Protein backbone atom coordinates (compact mmCIF):
# COMPACT_ATOMS: atom_id res chain seq x y z
CA UNK A 1 0.00 0.00 0.00
CA UNK A 2 2.81 2.42 0.87
CA UNK A 3 4.58 1.97 -2.48
CA UNK A 4 1.24 2.28 -4.27
CA UNK A 5 0.55 5.49 -2.34
CA UNK A 6 3.87 7.04 -3.40
CA UNK A 7 3.27 6.14 -7.05
CA UNK A 8 -0.33 7.32 -6.86
CA UNK A 9 0.52 10.74 -5.45
CA UNK A 10 3.44 11.28 -7.82
CA UNK A 11 1.26 10.26 -10.78
CA UNK A 12 -1.54 12.59 -9.66
CA UNK A 13 0.87 15.52 -9.36
CA UNK A 14 2.51 14.81 -12.73
CA UNK A 15 -0.84 14.62 -14.49
CA UNK A 16 -2.08 17.77 -12.82
CA UNK A 17 0.90 19.96 -13.68
CA UNK A 18 1.27 18.66 -17.22
CA UNK A 19 -2.35 19.59 -17.82
CA UNK A 20 -2.06 22.99 -16.10
CA UNK A 21 0.33 23.66 -17.97
CA UNK A 22 3.25 24.87 -15.87
CA UNK A 23 5.97 27.07 -17.34
CA UNK A 24 9.48 25.89 -16.61
CA UNK A 25 11.02 28.01 -13.86
CA UNK A 26 7.61 28.88 -12.36
CA UNK A 27 7.41 28.98 -8.56
CA UNK A 28 4.65 27.40 -6.48
CA UNK A 29 3.66 28.47 -2.98
CA UNK A 30 2.32 25.61 -0.85
CA UNK A 31 -0.03 26.56 1.99
CA UNK A 32 1.11 24.26 4.82
CA UNK A 33 -0.83 24.01 8.07
CA UNK A 34 1.36 21.19 9.37
CA UNK A 35 -1.45 18.67 8.89
CA UNK A 36 -1.07 15.48 6.82
CA UNK A 37 -2.67 16.73 3.57
CA UNK A 38 -0.63 19.91 3.14
CA UNK A 39 2.54 18.20 4.39
CA UNK A 40 2.14 15.42 1.82
CA UNK A 41 1.58 18.01 -0.90
CA UNK A 42 4.76 19.89 0.01
CA UNK A 43 6.84 16.69 0.14
CA UNK A 44 5.35 15.34 -3.11
CA UNK A 45 6.01 18.58 -4.96
CA UNK A 46 9.57 18.70 -3.62
CA UNK A 47 10.10 15.19 -5.06
CA UNK A 48 9.09 16.35 -8.54
CA UNK A 49 10.34 19.94 -8.75
CA UNK A 50 13.49 19.12 -10.70
CA UNK A 51 11.66 16.75 -13.04
CA UNK A 52 8.90 19.26 -13.77
CA UNK A 53 11.09 22.35 -13.50
CA UNK A 54 9.44 24.52 -10.86
CA UNK A 55 10.54 26.27 -7.67
CA UNK A 56 8.91 25.84 -4.27
CA UNK A 57 7.99 28.03 -1.30
CA UNK A 58 5.92 27.32 1.84
CA UNK A 59 3.51 29.52 3.78
CA UNK A 60 2.03 29.06 7.26
CA UNK A 61 -0.80 31.15 8.76
CA UNK A 62 -1.74 31.10 12.44
CA UNK A 63 -5.44 31.98 12.81
CA UNK A 64 -5.01 32.64 16.53
CA UNK A 65 -7.82 30.19 17.36
CA UNK A 66 -5.84 27.70 19.44
CA UNK A 67 -3.31 27.74 22.25
CA UNK A 68 0.01 29.52 21.87
CA UNK A 69 1.78 26.20 22.40
CA UNK A 70 0.01 24.50 19.49
CA UNK A 71 0.61 27.48 17.21
CA UNK A 72 4.31 27.62 18.11
CA UNK A 73 4.70 23.88 17.49
CA UNK A 74 2.97 24.09 14.11
CA UNK A 75 4.98 27.13 13.05
CA UNK A 76 8.23 25.45 14.10
CA UNK A 77 7.21 22.27 12.25
CA UNK A 78 6.54 24.15 8.98
CA UNK A 79 9.80 26.09 9.24
CA UNK A 80 11.70 22.83 9.84
CA UNK A 81 9.89 21.21 6.90
CA UNK A 82 10.86 24.12 4.66
CA UNK A 83 14.48 23.79 5.74
CA UNK A 84 14.51 20.04 5.07
CA UNK A 85 12.99 20.58 1.61
CA UNK A 86 15.24 23.53 0.79
CA UNK A 87 12.24 25.86 0.41
CA UNK A 88 11.78 29.37 1.86
CA UNK A 89 8.93 29.80 4.37
CA UNK A 90 6.62 32.79 4.90
CA UNK A 91 4.66 32.94 8.18
CA UNK A 92 1.88 35.19 9.38
CA UNK A 93 -1.01 35.33 11.82
CA UNK A 94 -4.14 37.18 12.91
CA UNK A 95 -3.26 37.48 16.60
CA UNK A 96 -4.68 35.40 19.46
CA UNK A 97 -8.47 35.64 19.61
CA UNK A 98 -8.77 38.42 17.00
CA UNK A 99 -10.78 36.44 14.44
CA UNK A 100 -13.04 34.82 17.03
CA UNK A 101 -13.78 38.19 18.68
CA UNK A 102 -14.37 39.85 15.30
CA UNK A 103 -16.73 37.09 14.14
CA UNK A 104 -18.74 37.30 17.38
CA UNK A 105 -18.90 41.08 17.37
CA UNK A 106 -19.90 41.35 13.69
CA UNK A 107 -22.07 38.21 13.76
CA UNK A 108 -20.15 36.62 10.89
CA UNK A 109 -19.10 33.06 10.20
CA UNK A 110 -15.78 32.38 11.92
CA UNK A 111 -14.83 29.93 9.16
CA UNK A 112 -15.57 32.46 6.41
CA UNK A 113 -13.72 35.24 8.23
CA UNK A 114 -10.68 33.02 8.85
CA UNK A 115 -10.68 31.93 5.21
CA UNK A 116 -10.68 35.55 4.03
CA UNK A 117 -7.71 36.52 6.20
CA UNK A 118 -5.84 33.34 5.27
CA UNK A 119 -6.22 33.94 1.54
CA UNK A 120 -5.15 37.59 1.89
CA UNK A 121 -1.99 36.37 3.62
CA UNK A 122 -1.34 33.68 1.00
CA UNK A 123 -1.57 36.13 -1.89
CA UNK A 124 0.81 38.48 -0.11
CA UNK A 125 3.22 35.60 0.64
CA UNK A 126 3.10 34.55 -3.02
CA UNK A 127 3.99 38.10 -4.01
CA UNK A 128 6.92 38.18 -1.60
CA UNK A 129 8.31 34.89 -2.91
CA UNK A 130 7.44 35.62 -6.57
CA UNK A 131 5.20 32.54 -6.82
CA UNK A 132 2.75 32.31 -9.72
CA UNK A 133 0.52 29.66 -8.11
CA UNK A 134 -0.76 28.91 -4.61
CA UNK A 135 -1.21 25.16 -3.98
CA UNK A 136 -3.66 23.86 -1.36
CA UNK A 137 -3.76 20.33 0.04
CA UNK A 138 -7.45 19.49 -0.44
CA UNK A 139 -8.15 15.84 -1.31
CA UNK A 140 -10.95 13.80 -2.87
CA UNK A 141 -12.28 13.29 0.66
CA UNK A 142 -12.55 17.07 1.14
CA UNK A 143 -14.34 17.40 -2.18
CA UNK A 144 -16.94 14.77 -1.24
CA UNK A 145 -17.58 16.40 2.14
CA UNK A 146 -18.07 19.73 0.38
CA UNK A 147 -20.56 18.21 -2.08
CA UNK A 148 -22.61 16.78 0.78
CA UNK A 149 -23.01 19.97 2.78
CA UNK A 150 -23.57 22.08 -0.37
CA UNK A 151 -26.45 19.79 -1.27
CA UNK A 152 -28.06 20.40 2.12
CA UNK A 153 -27.39 24.13 1.77
CA UNK A 154 -29.49 24.16 -1.41
CA UNK A 155 -26.59 25.11 -3.69
CA UNK A 156 -26.97 25.50 -7.45
CA UNK A 157 -26.17 22.45 -9.66
CA UNK A 158 -22.82 23.90 -10.72
CA UNK A 159 -21.75 24.13 -7.04
CA UNK A 160 -22.36 20.41 -6.47
CA UNK A 161 -19.05 19.67 -8.16
CA UNK A 162 -17.47 20.48 -4.81
CA UNK A 163 -14.04 22.09 -4.67
CA UNK A 164 -12.60 23.17 -8.06
CA UNK A 165 -9.10 21.98 -8.96
CA UNK A 166 -8.19 25.50 -10.02
CA UNK A 167 -9.57 28.96 -9.44
CA UNK A 168 -7.29 31.65 -10.82
CA UNK A 169 -3.87 31.26 -9.19
CA UNK A 170 -5.16 28.86 -6.53
CA UNK A 171 -4.66 25.19 -7.41
CA UNK A 172 -5.49 21.91 -5.67
CA UNK A 173 -3.32 19.16 -7.17
CA UNK A 174 -4.47 16.33 -4.82
CA UNK A 175 -8.25 16.39 -5.43
CA UNK A 176 -8.09 12.94 -6.97
CA UNK A 177 -6.33 11.38 -3.94
CA UNK A 178 -8.07 9.72 -0.96
CA UNK A 179 -7.02 10.78 2.55
CA UNK A 180 -6.01 7.17 3.33
CA UNK A 181 -3.47 7.38 0.50
CA UNK A 182 -2.05 10.56 2.05
CA UNK A 183 -1.40 8.79 5.36
CA UNK A 184 0.28 5.84 3.63
CA UNK A 185 2.48 8.21 1.60
CA UNK A 186 3.73 10.00 4.71
CA UNK A 187 4.39 6.70 6.50
CA UNK A 188 6.43 5.45 3.55
CA UNK A 189 8.62 8.54 3.80
CA UNK A 190 8.88 8.50 7.58
CA UNK A 191 7.49 12.01 7.46
CA UNK A 192 5.78 13.34 10.56
CA UNK A 193 2.97 15.88 10.69
CA UNK A 194 0.89 17.83 13.20
CA UNK A 195 -2.60 16.97 14.41
CA UNK A 196 -4.90 19.97 14.78
CA UNK A 197 -7.15 19.42 17.79
CA UNK A 198 -9.72 21.85 16.33
CA UNK A 199 -10.41 19.29 13.58
CA UNK A 200 -12.46 17.42 16.19
CA UNK A 201 -14.51 20.48 17.15
CA UNK A 202 -18.02 20.01 15.73
CA UNK A 203 -18.70 23.73 16.20
CA UNK A 204 -17.11 23.98 12.74
CA UNK A 205 -19.52 22.91 10.00
CA UNK A 206 -17.01 20.84 8.02
CA UNK A 207 -16.05 18.84 11.13
CA UNK A 208 -19.71 18.23 11.91
CA UNK A 209 -20.31 16.95 8.38
CA UNK A 210 -17.18 14.78 8.51
CA UNK A 211 -17.92 13.18 11.87
CA UNK A 212 -21.71 12.90 11.85
CA UNK A 213 -23.22 13.20 8.39
CA UNK A 214 -20.69 11.35 6.21
CA UNK A 215 -20.76 8.14 8.34
CA UNK A 216 -24.59 8.20 8.30
CA UNK A 217 -24.66 8.57 4.49
CA UNK A 218 -22.07 5.79 4.08
CA UNK A 219 -24.18 3.45 6.19
CA UNK A 220 -27.27 3.91 4.00
CA UNK A 221 -25.45 4.33 0.63
CA UNK A 222 -22.13 2.41 0.79
CA UNK A 223 -21.16 3.44 -2.77
CA UNK A 224 -22.04 7.11 -2.38
CA UNK A 225 -18.48 8.34 -3.08
CA UNK A 226 -18.53 6.95 -6.64
CA UNK A 227 -21.99 8.45 -7.16
CA UNK A 228 -20.70 11.84 -6.07
CA UNK A 229 -17.81 11.52 -8.54
CA UNK A 230 -20.48 11.29 -11.27
CA UNK A 231 -22.35 14.26 -9.78
CA UNK A 232 -19.12 16.28 -9.85
CA UNK A 233 -18.60 15.48 -13.53
CA UNK A 234 -22.20 16.36 -14.43
CA UNK A 235 -21.90 19.56 -12.42
CA UNK A 236 -18.83 20.63 -14.36
CA UNK A 237 -20.65 19.97 -17.65
CA UNK A 238 -23.65 21.99 -16.45
CA UNK A 239 -21.45 24.88 -15.34
CA UNK A 240 -19.54 24.88 -18.62
CA UNK A 241 -22.81 24.88 -20.61
CA UNK A 242 -24.22 27.85 -18.66
CA UNK A 243 -20.92 29.75 -18.93
CA UNK A 244 -20.74 29.31 -22.71
CA UNK A 245 -24.43 30.12 -23.13
CA UNK A 246 -23.91 33.42 -21.32
CA UNK A 247 -20.56 34.31 -22.90
CA UNK A 248 -21.99 35.61 -26.15
CA UNK A 249 -25.06 37.21 -24.59
CA UNK A 250 -23.86 38.86 -21.39
CA UNK A 251 -25.03 42.48 -21.69
CA UNK A 252 -23.06 43.95 -18.76
CA UNK A 253 -20.30 46.43 -19.71
CA UNK A 254 -17.79 48.14 -17.43
CA UNK A 255 -18.77 51.74 -16.66
CA UNK A 256 -16.83 53.94 -14.25
CA UNK A 257 -16.57 52.10 -10.94
CA UNK A 258 -19.34 49.65 -11.84
CA UNK A 259 -21.25 47.94 -14.66
CA UNK A 260 -24.31 48.77 -16.72
CA UNK A 261 -26.47 47.29 -19.45
CA UNK A 262 -29.65 47.85 -21.42
CA UNK A 263 -32.73 46.76 -19.47
CA UNK A 264 -34.21 45.43 -22.70
CA UNK A 265 -31.14 43.25 -23.40
CA UNK A 266 -31.18 42.00 -19.83
CA UNK A 267 -34.83 40.95 -20.10
CA UNK A 268 -34.15 39.05 -23.33
CA UNK A 269 -31.94 36.63 -21.38
CA UNK A 270 -33.36 33.36 -20.06
CA UNK A 271 -34.16 33.86 -16.32
CA UNK A 272 -31.32 31.52 -15.35
CA UNK A 273 -28.86 33.57 -17.40
CA UNK A 274 -30.15 36.79 -15.82
CA UNK A 275 -29.27 35.40 -12.41
CA UNK A 276 -25.91 34.09 -13.61
CA UNK A 277 -25.01 37.43 -15.21
CA UNK A 278 -25.60 39.32 -11.96
CA UNK A 279 -23.97 36.59 -9.89
CA UNK A 280 -20.90 37.09 -12.10
CA UNK A 281 -20.65 40.69 -10.85
CA UNK A 282 -19.85 39.37 -7.38
CA UNK A 283 -16.79 37.57 -8.74
CA UNK A 284 -15.61 40.95 -10.06
CA UNK A 285 -15.16 42.23 -6.52
CA UNK A 286 -18.65 43.44 -5.67
CA UNK A 287 -19.29 41.00 -2.83
CA UNK A 288 -19.21 42.41 0.68
CA UNK A 289 -16.23 41.31 2.73
CA UNK A 290 -16.59 37.68 3.80
CA UNK A 291 -19.32 36.87 1.24
CA UNK A 292 -18.51 33.68 -0.63
CA UNK A 293 -21.92 32.30 -1.51
CA UNK A 294 -24.79 34.48 -2.62
CA UNK A 295 -28.16 32.95 -1.63
CA UNK A 296 -30.58 32.12 -4.43
CA UNK A 297 -33.32 33.88 -2.45
CA UNK A 298 -31.37 37.14 -2.79
CA UNK A 299 -31.19 36.84 -6.60
CA UNK A 300 -34.74 35.49 -7.08
CA UNK A 301 -36.24 38.98 -7.77
CA UNK A 302 -34.31 38.93 -11.07
CA UNK A 303 -36.71 36.27 -12.34
CA UNK A 304 -39.42 38.93 -12.50
CA UNK A 305 -37.82 42.40 -12.52
CA UNK A 306 -40.05 45.49 -12.41
CA UNK A 307 -41.55 47.04 -15.52
CA UNK A 308 -39.21 49.28 -17.49
CA UNK A 309 -41.13 52.40 -16.47
CA UNK A 310 -40.46 51.66 -12.78
CA UNK A 311 -37.17 53.31 -11.91
CA UNK A 312 -35.13 52.90 -8.73
CA UNK A 313 -33.35 50.13 -6.82
CA UNK A 314 -34.31 46.62 -7.94
CA UNK A 315 -31.64 44.70 -6.01
CA UNK A 316 -29.54 45.73 -3.03
CA UNK A 317 -27.41 43.93 -0.48
CA UNK A 318 -24.42 41.61 -0.17
CA UNK A 319 -22.18 44.51 -1.25
CA UNK A 320 -24.08 45.27 -4.51
CA UNK A 321 -26.81 47.68 -5.57
CA UNK A 322 -28.56 47.45 -8.97
CA UNK A 323 -30.66 50.41 -10.12
CA UNK A 324 -32.96 50.92 -13.12
CA UNK A 325 -32.49 54.38 -14.61
CA UNK A 326 -33.71 55.63 -18.00
CA UNK A 327 -33.93 52.18 -19.51
CA UNK A 328 -30.55 51.02 -18.24
CA UNK A 329 -29.48 48.85 -15.32
CA UNK A 330 -26.58 50.23 -13.28
CA UNK A 331 -24.68 47.98 -10.86
CA UNK A 332 -22.34 49.46 -8.26
CA UNK A 333 -20.55 48.34 -5.14
CA UNK A 334 -22.53 49.30 -2.08
CA UNK A 335 -22.43 49.10 1.69
CA UNK A 336 -25.85 49.29 3.28
CA UNK A 337 -25.21 50.46 6.80
CA UNK A 338 -26.38 48.03 9.45
CA UNK A 339 -26.19 49.26 13.02
CA UNK A 340 -25.26 45.80 14.30
CA UNK A 341 -22.66 44.89 11.67
CA UNK A 342 -21.35 48.06 10.02
CA UNK A 343 -18.56 47.44 7.50
CA UNK A 344 -15.01 46.13 7.61
CA UNK A 345 -12.51 46.07 4.70
CA UNK A 346 -9.01 44.66 4.49
CA UNK A 347 -6.93 47.11 2.45
CA UNK A 348 -4.59 45.04 0.31
CA UNK A 349 -5.32 46.43 -3.13
CA UNK A 350 -7.45 48.96 -4.99
CA UNK A 351 -10.98 49.24 -3.55
CA UNK A 352 -13.96 51.21 -4.85
CA UNK A 353 -17.23 51.07 -2.92
CA UNK A 354 -20.18 53.14 -1.67
CA UNK A 355 -21.32 53.67 1.91
CA UNK A 356 -25.12 53.74 2.31
CA UNK A 357 -25.44 55.23 -1.17
CA UNK A 358 -24.01 58.55 0.07
CA UNK A 359 -20.23 58.37 -0.06
CA UNK A 360 -17.76 56.75 -2.44
CA UNK A 361 -14.53 55.40 -0.99
CA UNK A 362 -11.53 54.57 -3.15
CA UNK A 363 -8.17 53.14 -2.14
CA UNK A 364 -5.19 52.86 -4.46
CA UNK A 365 -1.69 51.54 -4.02
CA UNK A 366 0.90 54.28 -4.56
CA UNK A 367 4.65 54.33 -4.94
CA UNK A 368 6.86 55.79 -2.18
CA UNK A 369 8.24 58.63 -4.29
CA UNK A 370 9.61 60.40 -1.23
CA UNK A 371 10.54 59.37 2.29
CA UNK A 372 7.91 61.67 3.76
CA UNK A 373 5.07 60.50 1.54
CA UNK A 374 3.55 58.14 4.10
CA UNK A 375 3.09 61.06 6.47
CA UNK A 376 0.44 62.67 4.24
CA UNK A 377 -3.04 62.53 5.75
CA UNK A 378 -4.53 60.36 3.01
CA UNK A 379 -1.63 57.88 2.61
CA UNK A 380 -1.12 54.89 4.91
CA UNK A 381 1.52 52.16 5.00
CA UNK A 382 0.69 48.51 5.51
CA UNK A 383 2.41 46.82 8.44
CA UNK A 384 4.64 43.78 7.94
CA UNK A 385 1.79 41.41 8.69
CA UNK A 386 -0.48 42.97 6.06
CA UNK A 387 -2.76 44.48 8.71
CA UNK A 388 -4.38 47.65 7.37
CA UNK A 389 -8.18 47.93 7.63
CA UNK A 390 -10.97 50.37 6.86
CA UNK A 391 -14.05 49.99 9.04
CA UNK A 392 -17.02 51.69 10.68
CA UNK A 393 -17.12 52.50 14.39
CA UNK A 394 -17.94 49.94 17.08
CA UNK A 395 -19.25 50.34 20.62
CA UNK A 396 -16.47 51.36 22.97
CA UNK A 397 -14.07 52.58 20.26
CA UNK A 398 -11.35 54.88 21.59
CA UNK A 399 -8.49 56.75 19.97
CA UNK A 400 -5.31 57.90 21.71
CA UNK A 401 -5.37 61.40 20.26
CA UNK A 402 -3.13 64.33 21.20
CA UNK A 403 -4.28 65.43 24.61
CA UNK A 404 -5.13 61.94 25.79
CA UNK A 405 -7.50 59.05 25.31
CA UNK A 406 -10.87 59.93 23.75
CA UNK A 407 -13.93 57.93 22.86
CA UNK A 408 -15.22 58.37 19.33
CA UNK A 409 -18.56 59.50 20.72
CA UNK A 410 -16.92 62.43 22.51
CA UNK A 411 -14.81 63.21 19.45
CA UNK A 412 -17.84 63.27 17.14
CA UNK A 413 -19.78 65.39 19.64
CA UNK A 414 -16.92 67.91 19.83
CA UNK A 415 -17.01 68.12 16.03
CA UNK A 416 -20.83 68.50 16.14
CA UNK A 417 -21.12 65.62 13.69
CA UNK A 418 -24.73 64.63 12.92
CA UNK A 419 -25.87 61.44 14.67
CA UNK A 420 -27.07 59.82 11.45
CA UNK A 421 -23.60 60.19 9.90
CA UNK A 422 -21.46 58.85 12.73
CA UNK A 423 -21.80 55.20 11.71
CA UNK A 424 -20.74 56.07 8.17
CA UNK A 425 -17.36 57.58 9.07
CA UNK A 426 -14.43 55.33 7.98
CA UNK A 427 -11.76 54.50 10.53
CA UNK A 428 -8.28 53.30 9.58
CA UNK A 429 -7.10 50.48 11.84
CA UNK A 430 -3.53 49.22 12.06
CA UNK A 431 -1.85 46.94 14.58
CA UNK A 432 -5.18 46.62 16.38
CA UNK A 433 -5.48 50.39 17.00
CA UNK A 434 -7.35 53.23 15.30
CA UNK A 435 -4.78 55.21 13.32
CA UNK A 436 -7.11 57.74 11.66
CA UNK A 437 -10.68 59.03 11.72
CA UNK A 438 -11.72 60.23 8.23
CA UNK A 439 -14.71 62.39 9.15
CA UNK A 440 -13.98 65.54 7.10
CA UNK A 441 -16.21 64.53 4.12
CA UNK A 442 -19.08 64.00 6.60
CA UNK A 443 -18.89 67.45 8.20
CA UNK A 444 -16.40 66.57 10.92
CA UNK A 445 -12.60 66.57 10.80
CA UNK A 446 -9.85 64.19 9.75
CA UNK A 447 -7.71 63.06 12.67
CA UNK A 448 -4.47 61.27 11.79
CA UNK A 449 -2.21 59.97 14.56
CA UNK A 450 1.58 59.80 14.16
CA UNK A 451 2.71 56.42 12.81
CA UNK A 452 6.29 55.35 13.46
CA UNK A 453 6.07 52.91 10.52
CA UNK A 454 4.70 55.58 8.17
CA UNK A 455 6.33 55.30 4.76
CA UNK A 456 8.38 52.25 5.74
CA UNK A 457 5.90 49.54 4.75
CA UNK A 458 6.23 47.52 1.57
CA UNK A 459 2.91 48.95 0.38
CA UNK A 460 1.43 52.44 0.60
CA UNK A 461 -2.25 53.18 0.02
CA UNK A 462 -4.06 56.47 -0.64
CA UNK A 463 -7.64 56.68 0.67
CA UNK A 464 -10.06 59.10 -1.02
CA UNK A 465 -13.64 59.84 0.09
CA UNK A 466 -16.24 62.02 -1.64
CA UNK A 467 -19.99 62.42 -1.90
CA UNK A 468 -21.76 60.51 -4.66
CA UNK A 469 -22.08 62.79 -7.68
CA UNK A 470 -19.26 65.09 -6.60
CA UNK A 471 -16.25 63.34 -8.13
CA UNK A 472 -13.17 65.48 -8.70
CA UNK A 473 -10.29 64.86 -11.07
CA UNK A 474 -8.29 63.54 -8.11
CA UNK A 475 -10.80 60.85 -7.22
CA UNK A 476 -11.61 59.56 -10.72
């Protein structure tokens, strides 16, 4: 079994990368948690890198959800693995308890929030190591588990294929390999790995599915795994058919910071293609932070849109607003203020979004043309861990302003800022502290605290805010 496992994994990796295809000299970043799947992927790729002509780097992210001891052991394991494989290692983390506290406070899925931060780190690590692809250690077992819970979530047919083998730069070379084969492969190499105790915690949906639902399904349908392989294939065919059907008919065209199309052209589409065309806007960066799956119930109004003469908002939420105006549909990024949730953005690239339909916020990466550039009021440097955020206020927020510690409530009152605008004001957060309050466009003031790292980060970002309909040459 062990020899078979080695041959099986090597064959799977060869087939995957020959079909990719992979340019000779390309570098691959492997996301390694220390667990068996990602460890096997790193070792297997190291075995074949000379044969297939690619470079290798590893990345480890500590979500801050477990004990310091476990995190230190995992981090040390990944660094030692990188050294043994002759591969550089990038490490990062969210800070102990930060993600759990944020998820509870903003009433968001902890898994979704952790995934968002992890991917942001992986893309940054890939940039640092000049890697063209990011490889994840998901297996056939993971894909089957995903198919099962997506079915019970009421997902669309195309989603029942489970985890895709590739999405942009993210690749999953081991999706055809069973987890039992992974274990045998590691044993054959005498390669150790870490066991994550949180994998037994049924508070996480995937663990609950793995430990409770999958065994129950296997008991009633012993051959269900092969049946789900067929479902995955049919799902891919369905998705490809819908994609090609829409390709030549999609009416949406880029316009300014959003998209627009003729209402008449939109209505000529089959109802399914209407939904798919708008769903596609979310993949273009319109989804609110943390949104990965857009519920069908949210898009259902597109089956029967209003009459052409009825102007106004026809769809709003999940980070997107679609308006009907003079016979055209206009789609823009939007944040609908919610007193309980507010908004929270990770600044790691160019952003363009609206706040409650009143203000437009744009961020852009800029070059450090002078050593003092980061000290300008609208330019901020990212810290080494990639932690630069734009968010709305929260209960109990304080800022250590000149003259001492002040609550935001007292600050806004001193500025005589209207109550209905206070939850709109963007705050810049860095290293867990509020670095700036950008209230000037709302009738208040802009308060920027001194930043000892200003201008020294690897990335600098300019933040612009203006009222909708009052764009200047600087903000376009």
